[in-house]
Amino acid sequence: MMAIPEPSCGAIDLGVHRYALRVYYEDTDAGGIVYHANYLRWFERARSDLLELLGIDQRAALESGEGLYTVAEASLRYRAPARLGDAVVIETFPETVGRVACTLRQVARRGETRLCEAVVKVGFIGPDGRPRKQPAAWQHAFDSLVDGRMLSQSPATGPVSGLESGPEGLE
């Protein structure tokens, strides 16, 4: 039987999501430096992976007409260049969770070097494109990261909840 590899995925550790990737030729300009817009792609991929680890099924919500997350604001700061062949880790820290929107901080790192930092606000919208209250289970999943109740999770281990709970009802 032929071995079929699984797509790569990240892990949650102490409330921080980490997603690893490698810089390929397609990510770079002619000088072998990562093109600035690719950080947005990487941050989006990491956020999508985080949702999957939290058990949030974006596709089912979209297909059922419930809604989806969309980026409302993004602010990036470039600190150092990533280069062809680099191993990069995207760290995602949910900062605030409200009924309609979440704000996340993301950092692209090569080892200890910060390459790019972002603050991204995502809002939940309905099929009509208007803001809508996000599903309660989704809000709860993000809340568990913000207040430290979810200590770790990966596809292999599943969720491990903390013994202490943090602040309730972040809006």
Protein backbone atom coordinates (compact mmCIF):
# COMPACT_ATOMS: atom_id res chain seq x y z
CA MET A 1 0.00 0.00 0.00
CA MET A 2 1.29 3.45 -0.92
CA ALA A 3 1.85 5.87 1.97
CA ILE A 4 -0.14 9.08 1.52
CA PRO A 5 1.19 12.00 3.58
CA GLU A 6 -1.20 14.20 5.50
CA PRO A 7 -1.16 17.97 4.94
CA SER A 8 1.00 19.81 7.45
CA CYS A 9 -0.72 21.36 10.42
CA GLY A 10 0.19 23.41 13.42
CA ALA A 11 -0.26 22.92 17.14
CA ILE A 12 -1.55 24.90 20.10
CA ASP A 13 0.77 25.15 23.09
CA LEU A 14 -0.01 27.25 26.16
CA GLY A 15 -2.63 29.19 24.20
CA VAL A 16 -0.32 30.00 21.27
CA HIS A 17 -0.90 28.48 17.84
CA ARG A 18 2.26 27.68 15.88
CA TYR A 19 2.30 26.80 12.19
CA ALA A 20 5.57 25.88 10.44
CA LEU A 21 6.36 26.38 6.76
CA ARG A 22 9.33 26.52 4.44
CA VAL A 23 10.12 29.40 2.08
CA TYR A 24 9.92 28.13 -1.49
CA TYR A 25 11.05 29.76 -4.72
CA GLU A 26 7.45 30.79 -5.48
CA ASP A 27 7.43 32.87 -2.26
CA THR A 28 10.41 35.02 -3.24
CA ASP A 29 11.34 37.84 -5.56
CA ALA A 30 14.28 37.68 -7.97
CA GLY A 31 16.69 38.32 -5.10
CA GLY A 32 15.53 35.30 -3.08
CA ILE A 33 13.75 37.49 -0.48
CA VAL A 34 10.12 36.74 0.46
CA TYR A 35 7.73 39.05 -1.36
CA HIS A 36 5.90 41.17 1.23
CA ALA A 37 2.35 40.05 0.30
CA ASN A 38 3.22 36.42 1.02
CA TYR A 39 3.22 37.12 4.75
CA LEU A 40 -0.52 37.81 4.42
CA ARG A 41 -0.97 34.43 2.74
CA TRP A 42 1.02 32.68 5.46
CA PHE A 43 -0.90 34.44 8.23
CA GLU A 44 -4.19 33.42 6.59
CA ARG A 45 -3.05 29.81 6.31
CA ALA A 46 -2.06 29.79 9.99
CA ARG A 47 -5.44 31.27 11.02
CA SER A 48 -7.27 28.64 8.96
CA ASP A 49 -5.21 25.91 10.61
CA LEU A 50 -6.00 27.36 14.04
CA LEU A 51 -9.73 27.22 13.25
CA GLU A 52 -9.43 23.58 12.23
CA LEU A 53 -7.58 22.69 15.44
CA LEU A 54 -10.33 24.45 17.42
CA GLY A 55 -12.94 22.27 15.68
CA ILE A 56 -14.38 25.17 13.67
CA ASP A 57 -15.62 23.90 10.31
CA GLN A 58 -15.54 26.93 8.03
CA ARG A 59 -16.63 24.98 4.98
CA ALA A 60 -19.73 23.53 6.67
CA ALA A 61 -20.72 26.97 7.97
CA LEU A 62 -20.27 28.47 4.52
CA GLU A 63 -22.18 25.70 2.76
CA SER A 64 -25.05 25.83 5.30
CA GLY A 65 -25.41 29.58 4.84
CA GLU A 66 -24.45 30.29 8.46
CA GLY A 67 -21.56 32.60 7.59
CA LEU A 68 -17.79 32.90 7.70
CA TYR A 69 -14.91 34.92 9.07
CA THR A 70 -13.47 37.66 6.91
CA VAL A 71 -10.58 40.03 7.51
CA ALA A 72 -11.85 43.48 8.52
CA GLU A 73 -8.47 45.07 9.35
CA ALA A 74 -4.82 44.07 9.00
CA SER A 75 -1.72 45.97 10.08
CA LEU A 76 1.72 44.54 9.30
CA ARG A 77 5.22 45.53 10.33
CA TYR A 78 8.16 44.05 8.48
CA ARG A 79 11.22 43.57 10.70
CA ALA A 80 13.67 41.30 8.82
CA PRO A 81 13.63 39.47 5.50
CA ALA A 82 12.88 35.78 5.10
CA ARG A 83 14.89 34.08 2.39
CA LEU A 84 14.61 31.13 0.08
CA GLY A 85 14.91 27.87 2.04
CA ASP A 86 14.22 29.39 5.48
CA ALA A 87 12.08 27.51 7.99
CA VAL A 88 9.47 29.96 9.29
CA VAL A 89 7.01 29.55 12.17
CA ILE A 90 3.83 31.62 12.32
CA GLU A 91 2.66 32.24 15.88
CA THR A 92 -0.95 33.30 16.45
CA PHE A 93 -2.17 34.82 19.71
CA PRO A 94 -5.88 35.61 20.00
CA GLU A 95 -6.09 38.91 21.89
CA THR A 96 -9.77 39.83 22.10
CA VAL A 97 -12.98 37.97 21.36
CA GLY A 98 -16.33 39.66 20.89
CA ARG A 99 -19.74 38.57 19.71
CA VAL A 100 -18.96 39.46 16.08
CA ALA A 101 -15.18 39.91 15.81
CA CYS A 102 -11.86 38.60 17.08
CA THR A 103 -8.49 40.33 17.10
CA LEU A 104 -5.40 38.20 16.64
CA ARG A 105 -1.70 39.02 16.84
CA GLN A 106 0.54 37.06 14.49
CA VAL A 107 4.32 36.85 14.28
CA ALA A 108 6.41 35.20 11.56
CA ARG A 109 9.72 33.97 13.04
CA ARG A 110 12.89 32.36 11.79
CA GLY A 111 14.27 30.92 15.00
CA GLU A 112 14.31 33.83 17.47
CA THR A 113 14.25 36.47 14.71
CA ARG A 114 10.95 38.28 14.20
CA LEU A 115 10.41 38.65 10.48
CA CYS A 116 6.96 40.20 10.32
CA GLU A 117 4.30 41.09 12.90
CA ALA A 118 0.59 41.59 12.26
CA VAL A 119 -2.54 42.55 14.10
CA VAL A 120 -5.57 41.15 12.30
CA LYS A 121 -9.22 41.74 13.11
CA VAL A 122 -11.60 39.14 11.67
CA GLY A 123 -15.34 39.59 11.68
CA PHE A 124 -18.07 37.04 11.24
CA ILE A 125 -20.42 37.82 8.36
CA GLY A 126 -23.56 36.19 6.99
CA PRO A 127 -24.15 35.20 3.36
CA ASP A 128 -25.40 38.74 2.71
CA GLY A 129 -21.97 40.13 3.68
CA ARG A 130 -23.29 41.88 6.78
CA PRO A 131 -21.81 41.42 10.27
CA ARG A 132 -23.48 38.70 12.28
CA LYS A 133 -22.97 37.19 15.73
CA GLN A 134 -20.47 34.36 15.47
CA PRO A 135 -21.64 30.91 16.57
CA ALA A 136 -21.44 30.52 20.36
CA ALA A 137 -19.20 27.44 20.09
CA TRP A 138 -16.75 29.37 17.91
CA GLN A 139 -16.66 32.28 20.35
CA HIS A 140 -16.15 29.86 23.24
CA ALA A 141 -13.25 28.17 21.39
CA PHE A 142 -11.47 31.51 20.95
CA ASP A 143 -12.27 32.53 24.54
CA SER A 144 -10.57 29.34 25.76
CA LEU A 145 -7.34 30.47 24.08
CA VAL A 146 -7.51 34.07 25.27
CA ASP A 147 -8.08 33.22 28.91
CA GLY A 148 -5.66 30.27 28.97
CA ARG A 149 -8.11 27.40 29.49
CA MET A 150 -6.81 25.54 26.41
CA LEU A 151 -3.21 24.69 27.18
CA SER A 152 -2.35 22.49 24.22
CA GLN A 153 -3.81 20.76 21.21
CA SER A 154 -2.50 19.03 18.14
CA PRO A 155 -4.00 16.49 15.76
CA ALA A 156 -2.14 13.71 17.61
CA THR A 157 -2.99 14.66 21.18
CA GLY A 158 -6.34 16.46 21.01
CA PRO A 159 -7.27 19.21 23.45
CA VAL A 160 -5.93 19.42 26.97
CA SER A 161 -7.78 21.90 29.15
CA GLY A 162 -6.22 23.87 31.99
CA LEU A 163 -7.37 23.50 35.56
CA GLU A 164 -7.90 27.20 36.08
CA SER A 165 -10.20 29.37 34.05
CA GLY A 166 -9.48 32.99 33.27
CA PRO A 167 -11.69 36.04 32.80
CA GLU A 168 -15.22 35.39 31.65
CA GLY A 169 -17.10 36.94 28.72
CA LEU A 170 -14.54 39.03 26.82
CA GLU A 171 -16.52 41.26 24.49
